[in-house]
Amino acid sequence: QVQLVESGGGLVQPGGSLRLSCAGSGFTFSTYAMSWYRQAPGKERELVAGISSVGGIRNYADSVKGRFTISRDNAKNTVYLQMNSLKPEDTAVYYCKARRSTDYWGQGTQVTVSS
């Protein structure tokens, strides 16, 4: 069974940091590009960051450049999103996505940035 399980979400204060993890199973993780998306209340889902299958190519939304870092460890079948200098507008449900010929989505993890 294909699974993508996000973890690491929670409540943090503005300016704080959080690291999200997404563990994949049931497919050949190392051959898939991985991405993080987010969806805030009342807004459409947006791409936050992406990383190629071996980790050599990364891309970020303009709103998170310089603050977020995406990385992966194929030996652990895991992709990470390090989030620093968090802002209230970063509050959203964050989703992990695996893409090749077939796309897989995780269930999401809530990130709330509030004082």
C-alpha atoms as a PDB file:
ATOM      1  CA  GLN A   1       0.000   0.000   0.000  1.00  0.00           C
ATOM      2  CA  VAL A   2       1.348   3.409  -0.991  1.00  0.00           C
ATOM      3  CA  GLN A   3       1.670   5.803   1.918  1.00  0.00           C
ATOM      4  CA  LEU A   4       2.975   9.305   2.491  1.00  0.00           C
ATOM      5  CA  VAL A   5       2.859  10.314   6.130  1.00  0.00           C
ATOM      6  CA  GLU A   6       3.619  13.882   7.188  1.00  0.00           C
ATOM      7  CA  SER A   7       4.748  14.784  10.678  1.00  0.00           C
ATOM      8  CA  GLY A   8       6.246  17.693  12.575  1.00  0.00           C
ATOM      9  CA  GLY A   9       3.422  20.192  12.333  1.00  0.00           C
ATOM     10  CA  GLY A  10       2.133  22.143  15.284  1.00  0.00           C
ATOM     11  CA  LEU A  11       1.764  25.551  16.882  1.00  0.00           C
ATOM     12  CA  VAL A  12       4.725  27.942  16.831  1.00  0.00           C
ATOM     13  CA  GLN A  13       5.250  31.616  17.563  1.00  0.00           C
ATOM     14  CA  PRO A  14       6.083  34.113  14.820  1.00  0.00           C
ATOM     15  CA  GLY A  15       9.799  34.000  14.110  1.00  0.00           C
ATOM     16  CA  GLY A  16      10.043  30.411  15.248  1.00  0.00           C
ATOM     17  CA  SER A  17      11.144  27.318  13.363  1.00  0.00           C
ATOM     18  CA  LEU A  18       9.648  23.972  12.519  1.00  0.00           C
ATOM     19  CA  ARG A  19      10.792  20.954  10.523  1.00  0.00           C
ATOM     20  CA  LEU A  20       8.274  18.859   8.648  1.00  0.00           C
ATOM     21  CA  SER A  21       8.963  15.285   7.602  1.00  0.00           C
ATOM     22  CA  CYS A  22       7.250  13.094   5.040  1.00  0.00           C
ATOM     23  CA  ALA A  23       7.944   9.371   5.044  1.00  0.00           C
ATOM     24  CA  GLY A  24       7.044   7.349   1.965  1.00  0.00           C
ATOM     25  CA  SER A  25       6.438   3.637   1.581  1.00  0.00           C
ATOM     26  CA  GLY A  26       4.967   1.227  -0.940  1.00  0.00           C
ATOM     27  CA  PHE A  27       6.728   2.765  -3.957  1.00  0.00           C
ATOM     28  CA  THR A  28      10.244   3.410  -5.222  1.00  0.00           C
ATOM     29  CA  PHE A  29      10.791   6.642  -3.345  1.00  0.00           C
ATOM     30  CA  SER A  30      14.195   7.440  -4.852  1.00  0.00           C
ATOM     31  CA  THR A  31      12.778   7.691  -8.400  1.00  0.00           C
ATOM     32  CA  TYR A  32      10.111  10.278  -7.519  1.00  0.00           C
ATOM     33  CA  ALA A  33      10.368  14.033  -7.400  1.00  0.00           C
ATOM     34  CA  MET A  34       8.946  15.314  -4.123  1.00  0.00           C
ATOM     35  CA  SER A  35       7.093  18.505  -3.305  1.00  0.00           C
ATOM     36  CA  TRP A  36       5.506  20.350  -0.421  1.00  0.00           C
ATOM     37  CA  TYR A  37       2.220  22.175  -0.930  1.00  0.00           C
ATOM     38  CA  ARG A  38       0.113  24.151   1.494  1.00  0.00           C
ATOM     39  CA  GLN A  39      -3.461  25.321   1.723  1.00  0.00           C
ATOM     40  CA  ALA A  40      -4.550  28.118   4.022  1.00  0.00           C
ATOM     41  CA  PRO A  41      -8.174  28.708   5.054  1.00  0.00           C
ATOM     42  CA  GLY A  42     -10.136  30.231   2.189  1.00  0.00           C
ATOM     43  CA  LYS A  43      -7.242  29.951  -0.252  1.00  0.00           C
ATOM     44  CA  GLU A  44      -6.196  27.618  -3.040  1.00  0.00           C
ATOM     45  CA  ARG A  45      -3.490  25.024  -2.573  1.00  0.00           C
ATOM     46  CA  GLU A  46      -0.087  26.342  -3.600  1.00  0.00           C
ATOM     47  CA  LEU A  47       3.318  24.844  -4.297  1.00  0.00           C
ATOM     48  CA  VAL A  48       5.816  25.686  -1.566  1.00  0.00           C
ATOM     49  CA  ALA A  49       8.941  23.771  -2.568  1.00  0.00           C
ATOM     50  CA  GLY A  50      10.080  20.929  -4.791  1.00  0.00           C
ATOM     51  CA  ILE A  51      13.112  18.672  -5.064  1.00  0.00           C
ATOM     52  CA  SER A  52      14.289  16.305  -7.789  1.00  0.00           C
ATOM     53  CA  SER A  53      14.663  12.561  -7.280  1.00  0.00           C
ATOM     54  CA  VAL A  54      18.340  12.680  -6.271  1.00  0.00           C
ATOM     55  CA  GLY A  55      18.117  16.079  -4.606  1.00  0.00           C
ATOM     56  CA  GLY A  56      20.195  18.050  -7.099  1.00  0.00           C
ATOM     57  CA  ILE A  57      17.472  20.483  -8.157  1.00  0.00           C
ATOM     58  CA  ARG A  58      15.349  22.527  -5.767  1.00  0.00           C
ATOM     59  CA  ASN A  59      12.739  25.197  -6.267  1.00  0.00           C
ATOM     60  CA  TYR A  60      10.758  27.448  -3.932  1.00  0.00           C
ATOM     61  CA  ALA A  61       7.815  29.768  -3.977  1.00  0.00           C
ATOM     62  CA  ASP A  62       8.878  33.409  -3.805  1.00  0.00           C
ATOM     63  CA  SER A  63       7.076  33.813  -0.498  1.00  0.00           C
ATOM     64  CA  VAL A  64       9.338  31.293   1.265  1.00  0.00           C
ATOM     65  CA  LYS A  65      12.707  31.781  -0.448  1.00  0.00           C
ATOM     66  CA  GLY A  66      15.452  32.346   2.079  1.00  0.00           C
ATOM     67  CA  ARG A  67      13.326  30.979   4.919  1.00  0.00           C
ATOM     68  CA  PHE A  68      12.436  27.409   3.922  1.00  0.00           C
ATOM     69  CA  THR A  69      14.725  24.584   2.833  1.00  0.00           C
ATOM     70  CA  ILE A  70      13.639  21.330   1.216  1.00  0.00           C
ATOM     71  CA  SER A  71      15.842  18.251   1.419  1.00  0.00           C
ATOM     72  CA  ARG A  72      15.563  14.495   1.133  1.00  0.00           C
ATOM     73  CA  ASP A  73      17.189  11.332   2.408  1.00  0.00           C
ATOM     74  CA  ASN A  74      16.469   8.526  -0.032  1.00  0.00           C
ATOM     75  CA  ALA A  75      18.016   5.950   2.298  1.00  0.00           C
ATOM     76  CA  LYS A  76      15.239   6.816   4.757  1.00  0.00           C
ATOM     77  CA  ASN A  77      12.522   7.373   2.129  1.00  0.00           C
ATOM     78  CA  THR A  78      11.927  10.779   3.669  1.00  0.00           C
ATOM     79  CA  VAL A  79      11.633  14.363   2.460  1.00  0.00           C
ATOM     80  CA  TYR A  80      11.961  17.317   4.825  1.00  0.00           C
ATOM     81  CA  LEU A  81      10.907  20.938   4.927  1.00  0.00           C
ATOM     82  CA  GLN A  82      12.872  23.126   7.313  1.00  0.00           C
ATOM     83  CA  MET A  83      10.876  26.277   8.025  1.00  0.00           C
ATOM     84  CA  ASN A  84      12.562  29.245   9.688  1.00  0.00           C
ATOM     85  CA  SER A  85      11.433  32.780  10.482  1.00  0.00           C
ATOM     86  CA  LEU A  86       7.834  31.666  10.388  1.00  0.00           C
ATOM     87  CA  LYS A  87       5.093  34.210   9.815  1.00  0.00           C
ATOM     88  CA  PRO A  88       1.362  34.094  10.570  1.00  0.00           C
ATOM     89  CA  GLU A  89       0.705  33.910   6.830  1.00  0.00           C
ATOM     90  CA  ASP A  90       2.545  30.569   6.767  1.00  0.00           C
ATOM     91  CA  THR A  91      -0.367  29.062   8.675  1.00  0.00           C
ATOM     92  CA  ALA A  92      -1.821  26.270   6.555  1.00  0.00           C
ATOM     93  CA  VAL A  93      -2.183  22.556   6.125  1.00  0.00           C
ATOM     94  CA  TYR A  94       1.020  21.299   4.540  1.00  0.00           C
ATOM     95  CA  TYR A  95       0.874  18.381   2.125  1.00  0.00           C
ATOM     96  CA  CYS A  96       3.589  16.101   0.801  1.00  0.00           C
ATOM     97  CA  LYS A  97       3.438  15.003  -2.847  1.00  0.00           C
ATOM     98  CA  ALA A  98       5.365  12.363  -4.783  1.00  0.00           C
ATOM     99  CA  ARG A  99       5.398  12.632  -8.573  1.00  0.00           C
ATOM    100  CA  ARG A 100       6.511  10.523 -11.499  1.00  0.00           C
ATOM    101  CA  SER A 101       4.144   8.704 -13.844  1.00  0.00           C
ATOM    102  CA  THR A 102       1.692   8.539 -10.944  1.00  0.00           C
ATOM    103  CA  ASP A 103       1.177  11.166  -8.236  1.00  0.00           C
ATOM    104  CA  TYR A 104       0.721  10.379  -4.555  1.00  0.00           C
ATOM    105  CA  TRP A 105      -0.451  12.710  -1.795  1.00  0.00           C
ATOM    106  CA  GLY A 106      -0.162  12.615   1.956  1.00  0.00           C
ATOM    107  CA  GLN A 107      -2.990  13.525   4.317  1.00  0.00           C
ATOM    108  CA  GLY A 108      -1.439  16.789   5.442  1.00  0.00           C
ATOM    109  CA  THR A 109      -0.179  18.250   8.686  1.00  0.00           C
ATOM    110  CA  GLN A 110      -1.369  21.473  10.306  1.00  0.00           C
ATOM    111  CA  VAL A 111       1.079  24.318  10.854  1.00  0.00           C
ATOM    112  CA  THR A 112      -0.178  27.251  12.898  1.00  0.00           C
ATOM    113  CA  VAL A 113       1.939  30.356  13.435  1.00  0.00           C
ATOM    114  CA  SER A 114       0.433  32.556  16.116  1.00  0.00           C
ATOM    115  CA  SER A 115       1.275  34.425  19.282  1.00  0.00           C
END
